[in-house]
Amino acid sequence: MNGNEPGYTEKALVPYPVIVAATKGDPDAMKIVLQHFSGYIARLSMRKLYDDMKQ
């Protein structure tokens, strides 16, 4: 379940047991979840922010 298995598409959902294991602190499961969402995290980190208080 590392995303490199045959038949595993990039847009596939993270399997529920992996999510449960990640919430319980399993480092391998957390790695899978982070790899799955890495593009989304990178995109959000590049988002332009505006300061409403700036004059």
N, C-alpha and C. Protein backbone atom coordinates (compact mmCIF):
# COMPACT_ATOMS: atom_id res chain seq x y z
N MET A 1 0.82 -1.21 0.00
CA MET A 1 0.00 0.00 0.00
C MET A 1 0.85 1.25 0.00
N ASN A 2 1.93 1.23 -0.75
CA ASN A 2 2.82 2.38 -0.77
C ASN A 2 2.59 3.26 -1.98
N GLY A 3 1.55 2.99 -2.75
CA GLY A 3 1.29 3.80 -3.93
C GLY A 3 2.03 3.31 -5.15
N ASN A 4 2.91 2.34 -5.01
CA ASN A 4 3.68 1.82 -6.14
C ASN A 4 3.22 0.43 -6.55
N GLU A 5 2.17 -0.05 -5.95
CA GLU A 5 1.68 -1.38 -6.26
C GLU A 5 1.01 -1.39 -7.63
N PRO A 6 1.06 -2.49 -8.34
CA PRO A 6 0.36 -2.58 -9.63
C PRO A 6 -1.13 -2.35 -9.44
N GLY A 7 -1.72 -1.60 -10.33
CA GLY A 7 -3.15 -1.32 -10.24
C GLY A 7 -3.50 -0.18 -9.32
N TYR A 8 -2.52 0.42 -8.66
CA TYR A 8 -2.77 1.53 -7.75
C TYR A 8 -2.63 2.82 -8.53
N THR A 9 -3.73 3.51 -8.72
CA THR A 9 -3.67 4.77 -9.44
C THR A 9 -3.40 5.90 -8.47
N GLU A 10 -2.85 6.96 -8.99
CA GLU A 10 -2.48 8.09 -8.15
C GLU A 10 -3.70 8.73 -7.49
N LYS A 11 -4.86 8.65 -8.15
CA LYS A 11 -6.07 9.28 -7.61
C LYS A 11 -6.87 8.33 -6.72
N ALA A 12 -6.35 7.12 -6.49
CA ALA A 12 -7.05 6.17 -5.63
C ALA A 12 -7.13 6.70 -4.21
N LEU A 13 -8.16 6.30 -3.52
CA LEU A 13 -8.31 6.71 -2.13
C LEU A 13 -7.34 5.94 -1.25
N VAL A 14 -6.95 6.58 -0.15
CA VAL A 14 -6.13 5.89 0.83
C VAL A 14 -7.04 4.88 1.53
N PRO A 15 -6.62 3.63 1.59
CA PRO A 15 -7.47 2.61 2.24
C PRO A 15 -7.78 2.96 3.69
N TYR A 16 -8.99 2.66 4.11
CA TYR A 16 -9.44 2.97 5.46
C TYR A 16 -8.53 2.40 6.54
N PRO A 17 -8.09 1.14 6.43
CA PRO A 17 -7.19 0.61 7.47
C PRO A 17 -5.88 1.41 7.60
N VAL A 18 -5.41 1.98 6.50
CA VAL A 18 -4.19 2.80 6.54
C VAL A 18 -4.47 4.09 7.31
N ILE A 19 -5.62 4.68 7.07
CA ILE A 19 -5.99 5.91 7.78
C ILE A 19 -6.11 5.64 9.28
N VAL A 20 -6.75 4.54 9.63
CA VAL A 20 -6.91 4.19 11.05
C VAL A 20 -5.54 3.98 11.69
N ALA A 21 -4.66 3.26 10.99
CA ALA A 21 -3.32 3.01 11.52
C ALA A 21 -2.55 4.32 11.68
N ALA A 22 -2.72 5.25 10.74
CA ALA A 22 -2.03 6.54 10.82
C ALA A 22 -2.53 7.34 12.02
N THR A 23 -3.83 7.28 12.30
CA THR A 23 -4.35 8.03 13.45
C THR A 23 -3.88 7.43 14.77
N LYS A 24 -3.49 6.15 14.73
CA LYS A 24 -2.97 5.51 15.94
C LYS A 24 -1.47 5.66 16.08
N GLY A 25 -0.83 6.33 15.09
CA GLY A 25 0.59 6.64 15.21
C GLY A 25 1.53 5.73 14.45
N ASP A 26 1.02 4.87 13.59
CA ASP A 26 1.88 3.97 12.81
C ASP A 26 2.70 4.80 11.82
N PRO A 27 4.04 4.82 11.93
CA PRO A 27 4.88 5.65 11.06
C PRO A 27 4.76 5.29 9.58
N ASP A 28 4.63 4.00 9.27
CA ASP A 28 4.50 3.60 7.86
C ASP A 28 3.18 4.09 7.27
N ALA A 29 2.12 4.00 8.05
CA ALA A 29 0.81 4.48 7.59
C ALA A 29 0.82 6.00 7.42
N MET A 30 1.46 6.70 8.35
CA MET A 30 1.55 8.16 8.22
C MET A 30 2.32 8.55 6.97
N LYS A 31 3.35 7.80 6.66
CA LYS A 31 4.13 8.07 5.45
C LYS A 31 3.27 7.92 4.20
N ILE A 32 2.43 6.87 4.17
CA ILE A 32 1.55 6.65 3.03
C ILE A 32 0.56 7.80 2.88
N VAL A 33 -0.02 8.24 3.99
CA VAL A 33 -0.99 9.34 3.95
C VAL A 33 -0.31 10.63 3.50
N LEU A 34 0.87 10.92 4.02
CA LEU A 34 1.59 12.13 3.62
C LEU A 34 1.98 12.09 2.15
N GLN A 35 2.40 10.92 1.66
CA GLN A 35 2.73 10.80 0.24
C GLN A 35 1.48 11.03 -0.62
N HIS A 36 0.35 10.52 -0.17
CA HIS A 36 -0.88 10.67 -0.93
C HIS A 36 -1.28 12.14 -1.06
N PHE A 37 -1.13 12.89 0.02
CA PHE A 37 -1.55 14.28 0.03
C PHE A 37 -0.42 15.27 -0.23
N SER A 38 0.76 14.81 -0.63
CA SER A 38 1.91 15.70 -0.79
C SER A 38 1.66 16.80 -1.82
N GLY A 39 1.01 16.48 -2.93
CA GLY A 39 0.72 17.50 -3.93
C GLY A 39 -0.23 18.57 -3.40
N TYR A 40 -1.24 18.14 -2.66
CA TYR A 40 -2.20 19.06 -2.07
C TYR A 40 -1.53 19.97 -1.04
N ILE A 41 -0.68 19.39 -0.22
CA ILE A 41 0.05 20.16 0.80
C ILE A 41 0.97 21.17 0.13
N ALA A 42 1.67 20.74 -0.92
CA ALA A 42 2.57 21.65 -1.64
C ALA A 42 1.80 22.80 -2.27
N ARG A 43 0.66 22.50 -2.86
CA ARG A 43 -0.16 23.53 -3.50
C ARG A 43 -0.65 24.56 -2.47
N LEU A 44 -1.10 24.08 -1.33
CA LEU A 44 -1.57 25.01 -0.29
C LEU A 44 -0.44 25.86 0.26
N SER A 45 0.77 25.32 0.30
CA SER A 45 1.89 26.08 0.84
C SER A 45 2.30 27.22 -0.09
N MET A 46 1.88 27.17 -1.35
CA MET A 46 2.22 28.21 -2.32
C MET A 46 1.11 29.25 -2.46
N ARG A 47 0.06 29.09 -1.72
CA ARG A 47 -1.09 30.00 -1.81
C ARG A 47 -0.69 31.39 -1.35
N LYS A 48 -1.09 32.39 -2.12
CA LYS A 48 -0.77 33.77 -1.79
C LYS A 48 -1.70 34.25 -0.67
N LEU A 49 -1.12 34.81 0.35
CA LEU A 49 -1.90 35.30 1.49
C LEU A 49 -1.95 36.83 1.43
N TYR A 50 -3.03 37.38 1.91
CA TYR A 50 -3.22 38.82 1.95
C TYR A 50 -3.43 39.25 3.38
N ASP A 51 -2.80 40.36 3.74
CA ASP A 51 -2.93 40.90 5.08
C ASP A 51 -3.96 42.01 5.04
N ASP A 52 -5.12 41.79 5.67
CA ASP A 52 -6.19 42.79 5.69
C ASP A 52 -5.81 44.03 6.51
N MET A 53 -4.87 43.88 7.42
CA MET A 53 -4.48 45.00 8.29
C MET A 53 -3.36 45.85 7.68
N LYS A 54 -2.77 45.38 6.59
CA LYS A 54 -1.66 46.09 5.97
C LYS A 54 -2.19 47.40 5.33
N GLN A 55 -1.43 48.47 5.51
CA GLN A 55 -1.88 49.76 4.98
C GLN A 55 -1.17 50.14 3.73
